[in-house]
Amino acid sequence: MDVPRPSSRVEIVAAMRRVRYEFKAQGVKKRKVTMDISTNGVRVTLRTKERKVRRFFRRKKKNTQPRESLELMHHPIYRIFYVSHDSSDLKIFSYIARDGSSNEYTCNVFKSKRNVSLRILLSY
């Protein structure tokens, strides 16, 4: 969701909660994604469905190629403006990134299965 440039932490937390509650009110279904954080930036890809097969019955084939996944967004580190977590729910974290071409700020909110938001924030 596009947000104006925040000038304080209060505005950042308000933007994060506004994104969360607006999508919840609209009934938008959450998508399961995979997030890769590295020195190149943050890459978010759509999680692909895999069949659940017991490992000990399946032999690993040679020359298998990994499934291609759809990249939803990629933000280089220098374009990330702010990273935060929701203090009321430690499973929720967000970051605000600046778009290179339009100089608009977007707030991206994520919910994890476990309390990994503090670990992600400490990696920055």
PDB file of N, CA and C in Angstrom:
ATOM      1  N   MET A   1       0.843  -1.162   0.000  1.00  0.00           N
ATOM      2  CA  MET A   1       0.000   0.000   0.000  1.00  0.00           C
ATOM      3  C   MET A   1       0.893   1.231   0.000  1.00  0.00           C
ATOM      4  N   ASP A   2       0.550   2.229  -0.812  1.00  0.00           N
ATOM      5  CA  ASP A   2       1.318   3.473  -0.861  1.00  0.00           C
ATOM      6  C   ASP A   2       1.027   4.312   0.377  1.00  0.00           C
ATOM      7  N   VAL A   3       2.077   4.889   0.934  1.00  0.00           N
ATOM      8  CA  VAL A   3       1.951   5.744   2.111  1.00  0.00           C
ATOM      9  C   VAL A   3       2.761   7.013   1.870  1.00  0.00           C
ATOM     10  N   PRO A   4       2.382   8.140   2.506  1.00  0.00           N
ATOM     11  CA  PRO A   4       3.233   9.326   2.405  1.00  0.00           C
ATOM     12  C   PRO A   4       4.513   9.112   3.203  1.00  0.00           C
ATOM     13  N   ARG A   5       5.527   9.919   2.914  1.00  0.00           N
ATOM     14  CA  ARG A   5       6.801   9.754   3.616  1.00  0.00           C
ATOM     15  C   ARG A   5       6.604  10.008   5.110  1.00  0.00           C
ATOM     16  N   PRO A   6       6.855   8.994   5.939  1.00  0.00           N
ATOM     17  CA  PRO A   6       6.673   9.177   7.384  1.00  0.00           C
ATOM     18  C   PRO A   6       7.825   9.973   7.982  1.00  0.00           C
ATOM     19  N   SER A   7       7.480  10.764   8.990  1.00  0.00           N
ATOM     20  CA  SER A   7       8.512  11.579   9.625  1.00  0.00           C
ATOM     21  C   SER A   7       8.794  11.155  11.066  1.00  0.00           C
ATOM     22  N   SER A   8       7.969  10.262  11.605  1.00  0.00           N
ATOM     23  CA  SER A   8       8.209   9.807  12.975  1.00  0.00           C
ATOM     24  C   SER A   8       7.799   8.345  13.103  1.00  0.00           C
ATOM     25  N   ARG A   9       8.225   7.732  14.186  1.00  0.00           N
ATOM     26  CA  ARG A   9       7.894   6.327  14.432  1.00  0.00           C
ATOM     27  C   ARG A   9       6.400   6.138  14.605  1.00  0.00           C
ATOM     28  N   VAL A  10       5.720   7.113  15.175  1.00  0.00           N
ATOM     29  CA  VAL A  10       4.274   7.019  15.370  1.00  0.00           C
ATOM     30  C   VAL A  10       3.562   6.921  14.020  1.00  0.00           C
ATOM     31  N   GLU A  11       3.997   7.697  13.042  1.00  0.00           N
ATOM     32  CA  GLU A  11       3.393   7.635  11.710  1.00  0.00           C
ATOM     33  C   GLU A  11       3.680   6.300  11.029  1.00  0.00           C
ATOM     34  N   ILE A  12       4.850   5.738  11.266  1.00  0.00           N
ATOM     35  CA  ILE A  12       5.211   4.456  10.668  1.00  0.00           C
ATOM     36  C   ILE A  12       4.347   3.343  11.237  1.00  0.00           C
ATOM     37  N   VAL A  13       4.180   3.320  12.550  1.00  0.00           N
ATOM     38  CA  VAL A  13       3.341   2.297  13.181  1.00  0.00           C
ATOM     39  C   VAL A  13       1.882   2.486  12.754  1.00  0.00           C
ATOM     40  N   ALA A  14       1.446   3.731  12.622  1.00  0.00           N
ATOM     41  CA  ALA A  14       0.076   3.991  12.168  1.00  0.00           C
ATOM     42  C   ALA A  14      -0.131   3.499  10.738  1.00  0.00           C
ATOM     43  N   ALA A  15       0.857   3.701   9.871  1.00  0.00           N
ATOM     44  CA  ALA A  15       0.760   3.218   8.483  1.00  0.00           C
ATOM     45  C   ALA A  15       0.705   1.697   8.453  1.00  0.00           C
ATOM     46  N   MET A  16       1.517   1.045   9.279  1.00  0.00           N
ATOM     47  CA  MET A  16       1.538  -0.410   9.325  1.00  0.00           C
ATOM     48  C   MET A  16       0.181  -0.945   9.779  1.00  0.00           C
ATOM     49  N   ARG A  17      -0.381  -0.367  10.803  1.00  0.00           N
ATOM     50  CA  ARG A  17      -1.680  -0.831  11.292  1.00  0.00           C
ATOM     51  C   ARG A  17      -2.803  -0.491  10.323  1.00  0.00           C
ATOM     52  N   ARG A  18      -2.697   0.645   9.631  1.00  0.00           N
ATOM     53  CA  ARG A  18      -3.714   1.020   8.645  1.00  0.00           C
ATOM     54  C   ARG A  18      -3.738   0.014   7.497  1.00  0.00           C
ATOM     55  N   VAL A  19      -2.565  -0.378   7.021  1.00  0.00           N
ATOM     56  CA  VAL A  19      -2.488  -1.375   5.950  1.00  0.00           C
ATOM     57  C   VAL A  19      -3.110  -2.680   6.426  1.00  0.00           C
ATOM     58  N   ARG A  20      -2.763  -3.092   7.604  1.00  0.00           N
ATOM     59  CA  ARG A  20      -3.251  -4.361   8.139  1.00  0.00           C
ATOM     60  C   ARG A  20      -4.768  -4.366   8.280  1.00  0.00           C
ATOM     61  N   TYR A  21      -5.341  -3.307   8.856  1.00  0.00           N
ATOM     62  CA  TYR A  21      -6.771  -3.288   9.103  1.00  0.00           C
ATOM     63  C   TYR A  21      -7.588  -3.030   7.840  1.00  0.00           C
ATOM     64  N   GLU A  22      -7.063  -2.273   6.891  1.00  0.00           N
ATOM     65  CA  GLU A  22      -7.791  -2.053   5.643  1.00  0.00           C
ATOM     66  C   GLU A  22      -7.904  -3.335   4.837  1.00  0.00           C
ATOM     67  N   PHE A  23      -6.827  -4.109   4.781  1.00  0.00           N
ATOM     68  CA  PHE A  23      -6.886  -5.367   4.055  1.00  0.00           C
ATOM     69  C   PHE A  23      -7.773  -6.375   4.774  1.00  0.00           C
ATOM     70  N   LYS A  24      -7.788  -6.326   6.098  1.00  0.00           N
ATOM     71  CA  LYS A  24      -8.652  -7.221   6.853  1.00  0.00           C
ATOM     72  C   LYS A  24     -10.117  -6.842   6.648  1.00  0.00           C
ATOM     73  N   ALA A  25     -10.414  -5.551   6.603  1.00  0.00           N
ATOM     74  CA  ALA A  25     -11.787  -5.087   6.407  1.00  0.00           C
ATOM     75  C   ALA A  25     -12.297  -5.414   5.004  1.00  0.00           C
ATOM     76  N   GLN A  26     -11.414  -5.374   4.013  1.00  0.00           N
ATOM     77  CA  GLN A  26     -11.803  -5.683   2.638  1.00  0.00           C
ATOM     78  C   GLN A  26     -11.918  -7.182   2.408  1.00  0.00           C
ATOM     79  N   GLY A  27     -11.426  -7.968   3.323  1.00  0.00           N
ATOM     80  CA  GLY A  27     -11.491  -9.419   3.188  1.00  0.00           C
ATOM     81  C   GLY A  27     -10.513  -9.974   2.176  1.00  0.00           C
ATOM     82  N   VAL A  28      -9.387  -9.294   1.988  1.00  0.00           N
ATOM     83  CA  VAL A  28      -8.375  -9.758   1.049  1.00  0.00           C
ATOM     84  C   VAL A  28      -7.690 -10.992   1.627  1.00  0.00           C
ATOM     85  N   LYS A  29      -7.617 -12.047   0.813  1.00  0.00           N
ATOM     86  CA  LYS A  29      -6.995 -13.277   1.267  1.00  0.00           C
ATOM     87  C   LYS A  29      -5.485 -13.109   1.325  1.00  0.00           C
ATOM     88  N   LYS A  30      -4.888 -13.598   2.391  1.00  0.00           N
ATOM     89  CA  LYS A  30      -3.436 -13.522   2.546  1.00  0.00           C
ATOM     90  C   LYS A  30      -2.773 -14.535   1.630  1.00  0.00           C
ATOM     91  N   ARG A  31      -1.635 -14.136   1.056  1.00  0.00           N
ATOM     92  CA  ARG A  31      -0.874 -15.040   0.196  1.00  0.00           C
ATOM     93  C   ARG A  31       0.333 -15.542   0.963  1.00  0.00           C
ATOM     94  N   LYS A  32       0.639 -16.808   0.772  1.00  0.00           N
ATOM     95  CA  LYS A  32       1.821 -17.375   1.410  1.00  0.00           C
ATOM     96  C   LYS A  32       3.015 -17.083   0.521  1.00  0.00           C
ATOM     97  N   VAL A  33       4.022 -16.449   1.109  1.00  0.00           N
ATOM     98  CA  VAL A  33       5.197 -16.038   0.352  1.00  0.00           C
ATOM     99  C   VAL A  33       6.457 -16.527   1.052  1.00  0.00           C
ATOM    100  N   THR A  34       7.541 -16.496   0.304  1.00  0.00           N
ATOM    101  CA  THR A  34       8.860 -16.780   0.845  1.00  0.00           C
ATOM    102  C   THR A  34       9.668 -15.495   0.777  1.00  0.00           C
ATOM    103  N   MET A  35      10.299 -15.148   1.873  1.00  0.00           N
ATOM    104  CA  MET A  35      11.073 -13.916   1.943  1.00  0.00           C
ATOM    105  C   MET A  35      12.550 -14.262   2.076  1.00  0.00           C
ATOM    106  N   ASP A  36      13.354 -13.740   1.152  1.00  0.00           N
ATOM    107  CA  ASP A  36      14.800 -13.927   1.194  1.00  0.00           C
ATOM    108  C   ASP A  36      15.442 -12.589   1.531  1.00  0.00           C
ATOM    109  N   ILE A  37      16.182 -12.555   2.624  1.00  0.00           N
ATOM    110  CA  ILE A  37      16.847 -11.337   3.066  1.00  0.00           C
ATOM    111  C   ILE A  37      18.343 -11.549   2.921  1.00  0.00           C
ATOM    112  N   SER A  38      18.988 -10.654   2.172  1.00  0.00           N
ATOM    113  CA  SER A  38      20.426 -10.766   1.973  1.00  0.00           C
ATOM    114  C   SER A  38      21.007  -9.363   1.842  1.00  0.00           C
ATOM    115  N   THR A  39      22.303  -9.302   1.533  1.00  0.00           N
ATOM    116  CA  THR A  39      22.931  -8.002   1.338  1.00  0.00           C
ATOM    117  C   THR A  39      22.452  -7.333   0.056  1.00  0.00           C
ATOM    118  N   ASN A  40      21.864  -8.099  -0.845  1.00  0.00           N
ATOM    119  CA  ASN A  40      21.299  -7.525  -2.066  1.00  0.00           C
ATOM    120  C   ASN A  40      19.955  -6.858  -1.813  1.00  0.00           C
ATOM    121  N   GLY A  41      19.271  -7.249  -0.768  1.00  0.00           N
ATOM    122  CA  GLY A  41      17.980  -6.655  -0.458  1.00  0.00           C
ATOM    123  C   GLY A  41      16.987  -7.692   0.015  1.00  0.00           C
ATOM    124  N   VAL A  42      15.729  -7.330  -0.112  1.00  0.00           N
ATOM    125  CA  VAL A  42      14.630  -8.201   0.294  1.00  0.00           C
ATOM    126  C   VAL A  42      13.903  -8.646  -0.961  1.00  0.00           C
ATOM    127  N   ARG A  43      13.798  -9.947  -1.139  1.00  0.00           N
ATOM    128  CA  ARG A  43      13.090 -10.512  -2.291  1.00  0.00           C
ATOM    129  C   ARG A  43      11.934 -11.337  -1.753  1.00  0.00           C
ATOM    130  N   VAL A  44      10.740 -11.036  -2.256  1.00  0.00           N
ATOM    131  CA  VAL A  44       9.530 -11.745  -1.845  1.00  0.00           C
ATOM    132  C   VAL A  44       8.994 -12.492  -3.050  1.00  0.00           C
ATOM    133  N   THR A  45       8.864 -13.804  -2.910  1.00  0.00           N
ATOM    134  CA  THR A  45       8.346 -14.644  -3.996  1.00  0.00           C
ATOM    135  C   THR A  45       7.123 -15.400  -3.507  1.00  0.00           C
ATOM    136  N   LEU A  46       6.237 -15.691  -4.436  1.00  0.00           N
ATOM    137  CA  LEU A  46       5.037 -16.452  -4.130  1.00  0.00           C
ATOM    138  C   LEU A  46       5.427 -17.892  -3.856  1.00  0.00           C
ATOM    139  N   ARG A  47       4.945 -18.448  -2.773  1.00  0.00           N
ATOM    140  CA  ARG A  47       5.291 -19.815  -2.404  1.00  0.00           C
ATOM    141  C   ARG A  47       4.573 -20.787  -3.331  1.00  0.00           C
ATOM    142  N   THR A  48       5.319 -21.738  -3.850  1.00  0.00           N
ATOM    143  CA  THR A  48       4.731 -22.736  -4.738  1.00  0.00           C
ATOM    144  C   THR A  48       4.274 -23.928  -3.918  1.00  0.00           C
ATOM    145  N   LYS A  49       3.211 -24.544  -4.390  1.00  0.00           N
ATOM    146  CA  LYS A  49       2.694 -25.723  -3.701  1.00  0.00           C
ATOM    147  C   LYS A  49       3.542 -26.928  -4.084  1.00  0.00           C
ATOM    148  N   GLU A  50       3.880 -27.710  -3.097  1.00  0.00           N
ATOM    149  CA  GLU A  50       4.645 -28.925  -3.335  1.00  0.00           C
ATOM    150  C   GLU A  50       3.854 -30.100  -2.788  1.00  0.00           C
ATOM    151  N   ARG A  51       3.971 -31.193  -3.474  1.00  0.00           N
ATOM    152  CA  ARG A  51       3.299 -32.391  -2.988  1.00  0.00           C
ATOM    153  C   ARG A  51       4.045 -32.930  -1.778  1.00  0.00           C
ATOM    154  N   LYS A  52       3.266 -33.371  -0.815  1.00  0.00           N
ATOM    155  CA  LYS A  52       3.887 -33.948   0.371  1.00  0.00           C
ATOM    156  C   LYS A  52       4.078 -35.443   0.145  1.00  0.00           C
ATOM    157  N   VAL A  53       5.322 -35.854   0.029  1.00  0.00           N
ATOM    158  CA  VAL A  53       5.670 -37.251  -0.194  1.00  0.00           C
ATOM    159  C   VAL A  53       6.673 -37.633   0.879  1.00  0.00           C
ATOM    160  N   ARG A  54       6.492 -38.795   1.412  1.00  0.00           N
ATOM    161  CA  ARG A  54       7.445 -39.233   2.436  1.00  0.00           C
ATOM    162  C   ARG A  54       8.828 -39.384   1.827  1.00  0.00           C
ATOM    163  N   ARG A  55       9.807 -38.871   2.513  1.00  0.00           N
ATOM    164  CA  ARG A  55      11.166 -38.847   1.986  1.00  0.00           C
ATOM    165  C   ARG A  55      11.754 -40.240   1.778  1.00  0.00           C
ATOM    166  N   PHE A  56      11.508 -41.154   2.689  1.00  0.00           N
ATOM    167  CA  PHE A  56      12.184 -42.438   2.596  1.00  0.00           C
ATOM    168  C   PHE A  56      11.607 -43.326   1.505  1.00  0.00           C
ATOM    169  N   PHE A  57      10.463 -42.970   0.912  1.00  0.00           N
ATOM    170  CA  PHE A  57       9.931 -43.721  -0.214  1.00  0.00           C
ATOM    171  C   PHE A  57      10.354 -43.134  -1.551  1.00  0.00           C
ATOM    172  N   ARG A  58      10.864 -41.939  -1.537  1.00  0.00           N
ATOM    173  CA  ARG A  58      11.186 -41.266  -2.787  1.00  0.00           C
ATOM    174  C   ARG A  58      12.692 -41.191  -2.965  1.00  0.00           C
ATOM    175  N   ARG A  59      13.152 -41.562  -4.124  1.00  0.00           N
ATOM    176  CA  ARG A  59      14.575 -41.429  -4.426  1.00  0.00           C
ATOM    177  C   ARG A  59      14.800 -40.101  -5.110  1.00  0.00           C
ATOM    178  N   LYS A  60      15.912 -39.524  -4.820  1.00  0.00           N
ATOM    179  CA  LYS A  60      16.244 -38.245  -5.433  1.00  0.00           C
ATOM    180  C   LYS A  60      16.715 -38.475  -6.864  1.00  0.00           C
ATOM    181  N   LYS A  61      16.090 -37.771  -7.782  1.00  0.00           N
ATOM    182  CA  LYS A  61      16.451 -37.917  -9.188  1.00  0.00           C
ATOM    183  C   LYS A  61      17.630 -37.008  -9.514  1.00  0.00           C
ATOM    184  N   LYS A  62      18.448 -37.455 -10.443  1.00  0.00           N
ATOM    185  CA  LYS A  62      19.554 -36.625 -10.888  1.00  0.00           C
ATOM    186  C   LYS A  62      19.035 -35.627 -11.919  1.00  0.00           C
ATOM    187  N   ASN A  63      19.709 -34.507 -12.019  1.00  0.00           N
ATOM    188  CA  ASN A  63      19.393 -33.448 -12.974  1.00  0.00           C
ATOM    189  C   ASN A  63      17.976 -32.884 -12.806  1.00  0.00           C
ATOM    190  N   THR A  64      17.510 -32.803 -11.564  1.00  0.00           N
ATOM    191  CA  THR A  64      16.205 -32.187 -11.341  1.00  0.00           C
ATOM    192  C   THR A  64      16.403 -30.686 -11.201  1.00  0.00           C
ATOM    193  N   GLN A  65      15.474 -29.934 -11.735  1.00  0.00           N
ATOM    194  CA  GLN A  65      15.541 -28.485 -11.661  1.00  0.00           C
ATOM    195  C   GLN A  65      14.523 -27.994 -10.648  1.00  0.00           C
ATOM    196  N   PRO A  66      14.885 -26.973  -9.870  1.00  0.00           N
ATOM    197  CA  PRO A  66      13.921 -26.454  -8.909  1.00  0.00           C
ATOM    198  C   PRO A  66      12.768 -25.742  -9.630  1.00  0.00           C
ATOM    199  N   ARG A  67      11.626 -25.726  -8.987  1.00  0.00           N
ATOM    200  CA  ARG A  67      10.480 -25.041  -9.573  1.00  0.00           C
ATOM    201  C   ARG A  67      10.727 -23.541  -9.592  1.00  0.00           C
ATOM    202  N   GLU A  68      10.274 -22.906 -10.659  1.00  0.00           N
ATOM    203  CA  GLU A  68      10.400 -21.461 -10.723  1.00  0.00           C
ATOM    204  C   GLU A  68       9.281 -20.841  -9.906  1.00  0.00           C
ATOM    205  N   SER A  69       9.606 -19.799  -9.167  1.00  0.00           N
ATOM    206  CA  SER A  69       8.593 -19.132  -8.364  1.00  0.00           C
ATOM    207  C   SER A  69       8.411 -17.709  -8.867  1.00  0.00           C
ATOM    208  N   LEU A  70       7.235 -17.193  -8.683  1.00  0.00           N
ATOM    209  CA  LEU A  70       6.879 -15.870  -9.151  1.00  0.00           C
ATOM    210  C   LEU A  70       7.380 -14.819  -8.168  1.00  0.00           C
ATOM    211  N   GLU A  71       8.203 -13.906  -8.645  1.00  0.00           N
ATOM    212  CA  GLU A  71       8.725 -12.846  -7.789  1.00  0.00           C
ATOM    213  C   GLU A  71       7.690 -11.738  -7.678  1.00  0.00           C
ATOM    214  N   LEU A  72       7.271 -11.444  -6.445  1.00  0.00           N
ATOM    215  CA  LEU A  72       6.280 -10.405  -6.216  1.00  0.00           C
ATOM    216  C   LEU A  72       6.921  -9.035  -6.079  1.00  0.00           C
ATOM    217  N   MET A  73       8.034  -8.979  -5.366  1.00  0.00           N
ATOM    218  CA  MET A  73       8.724  -7.700  -5.199  1.00  0.00           C
ATOM    219  C   MET A  73      10.172  -7.935  -4.829  1.00  0.00           C
ATOM    220  N   HIS A  74      10.983  -6.937  -5.137  1.00  0.00           N
ATOM    221  CA  HIS A  74      12.401  -6.959  -4.773  1.00  0.00           C
ATOM    222  C   HIS A  74      12.798  -5.531  -4.447  1.00  0.00           C
ATOM    223  N   HIS A  75      13.273  -5.326  -3.228  1.00  0.00           N
ATOM    224  CA  HIS A  75      13.710  -4.003  -2.797  1.00  0.00           C
ATOM    225  C   HIS A  75      15.173  -4.075  -2.365  1.00  0.00           C
ATOM    226  N   PRO A  76      16.057  -3.331  -3.024  1.00  0.00           N
ATOM    227  CA  PRO A  76      17.454  -3.286  -2.578  1.00  0.00           C
ATOM    228  C   PRO A  76      17.538  -2.651  -1.186  1.00  0.00           C
ATOM    229  N   ILE A  77      18.584  -2.985  -0.468  1.00  0.00           N
ATOM    230  CA  ILE A  77      18.750  -2.506   0.905  1.00  0.00           C
ATOM    231  C   ILE A  77      18.723  -0.977   0.982  1.00  0.00           C
ATOM    232  N   TYR A  78      19.349  -0.302   0.037  1.00  0.00           N
ATOM    233  CA  TYR A  78      19.435   1.152   0.124  1.00  0.00           C
ATOM    234  C   TYR A  78      18.093   1.846  -0.130  1.00  0.00           C
ATOM    235  N   ARG A  79      17.095   1.126  -0.610  1.00  0.00           N
ATOM    236  CA  ARG A  79      15.767   1.710  -0.826  1.00  0.00           C
ATOM    237  C   ARG A  79      14.815   1.455   0.345  1.00  0.00           C
ATOM    238  N   ILE A  80      15.226   0.642   1.305  1.00  0.00           N
ATOM    239  CA  ILE A  80      14.367   0.374   2.462  1.00  0.00           C
ATOM    240  C   ILE A  80      14.517   1.510   3.452  1.00  0.00           C
ATOM    241  N   PHE A  81      13.386   2.122   3.751  1.00  0.00           N
ATOM    242  CA  PHE A  81      13.366   3.322   4.576  1.00  0.00           C
ATOM    243  C   PHE A  81      13.296   2.985   6.060  1.00  0.00           C
ATOM    244  N   TYR A  82      12.445   2.032   6.415  1.00  0.00           N
ATOM    245  CA  TYR A  82      12.247   1.720   7.828  1.00  0.00           C
ATOM    246  C   TYR A  82      11.724   0.297   7.972  1.00  0.00           C
ATOM    247  N   VAL A  83      12.133  -0.383   9.038  1.00  0.00           N
ATOM    248  CA  VAL A  83      11.673  -1.727   9.356  1.00  0.00           C
ATOM    249  C   VAL A  83      11.153  -1.706  10.782  1.00  0.00           C
ATOM    250  N   SER A  84      10.000  -2.339  11.003  1.00  0.00           N
ATOM    251  CA  SER A  84       9.401  -2.310  12.334  1.00  0.00           C
ATOM    252  C   SER A  84       8.616  -3.583  12.584  1.00  0.00           C
ATOM    253  N   HIS A  85       8.285  -3.815  13.836  1.00  0.00           N
ATOM    254  CA  HIS A  85       7.397  -4.921  14.197  1.00  0.00           C
ATOM    255  C   HIS A  85       6.239  -4.355  15.005  1.00  0.00           C
ATOM    256  N   ASP A  86       5.177  -5.107  15.084  1.00  0.00           N
ATOM    257  CA  ASP A  86       4.019  -4.696  15.862  1.00  0.00           C
ATOM    258  C   ASP A  86       4.232  -5.162  17.291  1.00  0.00           C
ATOM    259  N   SER A  87       4.263  -4.235  18.235  1.00  0.00           N
ATOM    260  CA  SER A  87       4.545  -4.600  19.613  1.00  0.00           C
ATOM    261  C   SER A  87       3.404  -5.399  20.242  1.00  0.00           C
ATOM    262  N   SER A  88       2.195  -5.288  19.692  1.00  0.00           N
ATOM    263  CA  SER A  88       1.082  -6.052  20.249  1.00  0.00           C
ATOM    264  C   SER A  88       1.052  -7.490  19.731  1.00  0.00           C
ATOM    265  N   ASP A  89       1.655  -7.736  18.569  1.00  0.00           N
ATOM    266  CA  ASP A  89       1.703  -9.087  17.992  1.00  0.00           C
ATOM    267  C   ASP A  89       3.081  -9.277  17.371  1.00  0.00           C
ATOM    268  N   LEU A  90       3.912 -10.100  17.986  1.00  0.00           N
ATOM    269  CA  LEU A  90       5.293 -10.259  17.538  1.00  0.00           C
ATOM    270  C   LEU A  90       5.420 -11.059  16.252  1.00  0.00           C
ATOM    271  N   LYS A  91       4.326 -11.602  15.743  1.00  0.00           N
ATOM    272  CA  LYS A  91       4.381 -12.324  14.478  1.00  0.00           C
ATOM    273  C   LYS A  91       4.286 -11.377  13.283  1.00  0.00           C
ATOM    274  N   ILE A  92       3.942 -10.133  13.513  1.00  0.00           N
ATOM    275  CA  ILE A  92       3.718  -9.182  12.427  1.00  0.00           C
ATOM    276  C   ILE A  92       4.870  -8.189  12.363  1.00  0.00           C
ATOM    277  N   PHE A  93       5.411  -8.011  11.156  1.00  0.00           N
ATOM    278  CA  PHE A  93       6.467  -7.037  10.927  1.00  0.00           C
ATOM    279  C   PHE A  93       6.230  -6.376   9.585  1.00  0.00           C
ATOM    280  N   SER A  94       6.879  -5.248   9.391  1.00  0.00           N
ATOM    281  CA  SER A  94       6.674  -4.516   8.142  1.00  0.00           C
ATOM    282  C   SER A  94       7.928  -3.741   7.792  1.00  0.00           C
ATOM    283  N   TYR A  95       7.967  -3.296   6.549  1.00  0.00           N
ATOM    284  CA  TYR A  95       9.007  -2.375   6.142  1.00  0.00           C
ATOM    285  C   TYR A  95       8.443  -1.400   5.128  1.00  0.00           C
ATOM    286  N   ILE A  96       9.010  -0.217   5.112  1.00  0.00           N
ATOM    287  CA  ILE A  96       8.621   0.819   4.164  1.00  0.00           C
ATOM    288  C   ILE A  96       9.783   1.009   3.212  1.00  0.00           C
ATOM    289  N   ALA A  97       9.492   0.909   1.913  1.00  0.00           N
ATOM    290  CA  ALA A  97      10.525   1.023   0.887  1.00  0.00           C
ATOM    291  C   ALA A  97      10.146   2.118  -0.098  1.00  0.00           C
ATOM    292  N   ARG A  98      11.175   2.760  -0.663  1.00  0.00           N
ATOM    293  CA  ARG A  98      10.963   3.813  -1.651  1.00  0.00           C
ATOM    294  C   ARG A  98      11.125   3.221  -3.040  1.00  0.00           C
ATOM    295  N   ASP A  99      10.165   3.535  -3.903  1.00  0.00           N
ATOM    296  CA  ASP A  99      10.230   3.071  -5.287  1.00  0.00           C
ATOM    297  C   ASP A  99      11.220   3.954  -6.038  1.00  0.00           C
ATOM    298  N   GLY A 100      12.074   3.339  -6.837  1.00  0.00           N
ATOM    299  CA  GLY A 100      13.134   4.075  -7.516  1.00  0.00           C
ATOM    300  C   GLY A 100      12.649   5.010  -8.595  1.00  0.00           C
ATOM    301  N   SER A 101      11.637   4.625  -9.342  1.00  0.00           N
ATOM    302  CA  SER A 101      11.200   5.441 -10.478  1.00  0.00           C
ATOM    303  C   SER A 101      10.257   6.561 -10.081  1.00  0.00           C
ATOM    304  N   SER A 102       9.361   6.309  -9.123  1.00  0.00           N
ATOM    305  CA  SER A 102       8.354   7.316  -8.790  1.00  0.00           C
ATOM    306  C   SER A 102       8.592   8.005  -7.452  1.00  0.00           C
ATOM    307  N   ASN A 103       9.565   7.556  -6.684  1.00  0.00           N
ATOM    308  CA  ASN A 103       9.868   8.095  -5.360  1.00  0.00           C
ATOM    309  C   ASN A 103       8.675   8.046  -4.418  1.00  0.00           C
ATOM    310  N   GLU A 104       7.800   7.059  -4.607  1.00  0.00           N
ATOM    311  CA  GLU A 104       6.699   6.840  -3.684  1.00  0.00           C
ATOM    312  C   GLU A 104       7.126   5.817  -2.639  1.00  0.00           C
ATOM    313  N   TYR A 105       6.526   5.901  -1.473  1.00  0.00           N
ATOM    314  CA  TYR A 105       6.826   4.973  -0.388  1.00  0.00           C
ATOM    315  C   TYR A 105       5.711   3.950  -0.292  1.00  0.00           C
ATOM    316  N   THR A 106       6.098   2.674  -0.156  1.00  0.00           N
ATOM    317  CA  THR A 106       5.117   1.610   0.011  1.00  0.00           C
ATOM    318  C   THR A 106       5.375   0.896   1.327  1.00  0.00           C
ATOM    319  N   CYS A 107       4.301   0.568   2.007  1.00  0.00           N
ATOM    320  CA  CYS A 107       4.382  -0.160   3.265  1.00  0.00           C
ATOM    321  C   CYS A 107       3.991  -1.601   2.992  1.00  0.00           C
ATOM    322  N   ASN A 108       4.855  -2.527   3.343  1.00  0.00           N
ATOM    323  CA  ASN A 108       4.623  -3.956   3.144  1.00  0.00           C
ATOM    324  C   ASN A 108       4.529  -4.613   4.512  1.00  0.00           C
ATOM    325  N   VAL A 109       3.425  -5.304   4.767  1.00  0.00           N
ATOM    326  CA  VAL A 109       3.185  -5.924   6.067  1.00  0.00           C
ATOM    327  C   VAL A 109       3.166  -7.438   5.884  1.00  0.00           C
ATOM    328  N   PHE A 110       3.829  -8.151   6.795  1.00  0.00           N
ATOM    329  CA  PHE A 110       3.933  -9.604   6.732  1.00  0.00           C
ATOM    330  C   PHE A 110       3.591 -10.205   8.083  1.00  0.00           C
ATOM    331  N   LYS A 111       3.045 -11.415   8.036  1.00  0.00           N
ATOM    332  CA  LYS A 111       2.770 -12.167   9.257  1.00  0.00           C
ATOM    333  C   LYS A 111       3.458 -13.515   9.127  1.00  0.00           C
ATOM    334  N   SER A 112       4.240 -13.868  10.135  1.00  0.00           N
ATOM    335  CA  SER A 112       4.978 -15.124  10.091  1.00  0.00           C
ATOM    336  C   SER A 112       4.276 -16.171  10.949  1.00  0.00           C
ATOM    337  N   LYS A 113       4.655 -17.417  10.742  1.00  0.00           N
ATOM    338  CA  LYS A 113       4.078 -18.486  11.543  1.00  0.00           C
ATOM    339  C   LYS A 113       4.625 -18.472  12.962  1.00  0.00           C
ATOM    340  N   ARG A 114       5.862 -18.104  13.086  1.00  0.00           N
ATOM    341  CA  ARG A 114       6.516 -18.081  14.392  1.00  0.00           C
ATOM    342  C   ARG A 114       6.933 -16.649  14.718  1.00  0.00           C
ATOM    343  N   ASN A 115       7.442 -16.462  15.911  1.00  0.00           N
ATOM    344  CA  ASN A 115       7.896 -15.137  16.327  1.00  0.00           C
ATOM    345  C   ASN A 115       9.296 -14.860  15.782  1.00  0.00           C
ATOM    346  N   VAL A 116       9.397 -14.699  14.471  1.00  0.00           N
ATOM    347  CA  VAL A 116      10.689 -14.431  13.847  1.00  0.00           C
ATOM    348  C   VAL A 116      10.871 -12.959  13.526  1.00  0.00           C
ATOM    349  N   SER A 117       9.891 -12.129  13.847  1.00  0.00           N
ATOM    350  CA  SER A 117       9.991 -10.722  13.472  1.00  0.00           C
ATOM    351  C   SER A 117      11.174 -10.041  14.158  1.00  0.00           C
ATOM    352  N   LEU A 118      11.434 -10.355  15.404  1.00  0.00           N
ATOM    353  CA  LEU A 118      12.578  -9.736  16.090  1.00  0.00           C
ATOM    354  C   LEU A 118      13.894 -10.189  15.475  1.00  0.00           C
ATOM    355  N   ARG A 119      13.964 -11.441  15.061  1.00  0.00           N
ATOM    356  CA  ARG A 119      15.185 -11.938  14.421  1.00  0.00           C
ATOM    357  C   ARG A 119      15.411 -11.247  13.081  1.00  0.00           C
ATOM    358  N   ILE A 120      14.329 -11.001  12.338  1.00  0.00           N
ATOM    359  CA  ILE A 120      14.445 -10.287  11.057  1.00  0.00           C
ATOM    360  C   ILE A 120      14.866  -8.848  11.294  1.00  0.00           C
ATOM    361  N   LEU A 121      14.285  -8.218  12.307  1.00  0.00           N
ATOM    362  CA  LEU A 121      14.647  -6.816  12.581  1.00  0.00           C
ATOM    363  C   LEU A 121      16.094  -6.692  13.031  1.00  0.00           C
ATOM    364  N   LEU A 122      16.577  -7.658  13.771  1.00  0.00           N
ATOM    365  CA  LEU A 122      17.970  -7.591  14.221  1.00  0.00           C
ATOM    366  C   LEU A 122      18.954  -7.837  13.106  1.00  0.00           C
ATOM    367  N   SER A 123      18.495  -8.451  11.993  1.00  0.00           N
ATOM    368  CA  SER A 123      19.406  -8.656  10.870  1.00  0.00           C
ATOM    369  C   SER A 123      19.689  -7.358  10.132  1.00  0.00           C
ATOM    370  N   TYR A 124      18.851  -6.354  10.330  1.00  0.00           N
ATOM    371  CA  TYR A 124      19.113  -5.055   9.733  1.00  0.00           C
ATOM    372  C   TYR A 124      19.998  -4.277  10.643  1.00  0.00           C
TER     373      TYR A 124
END
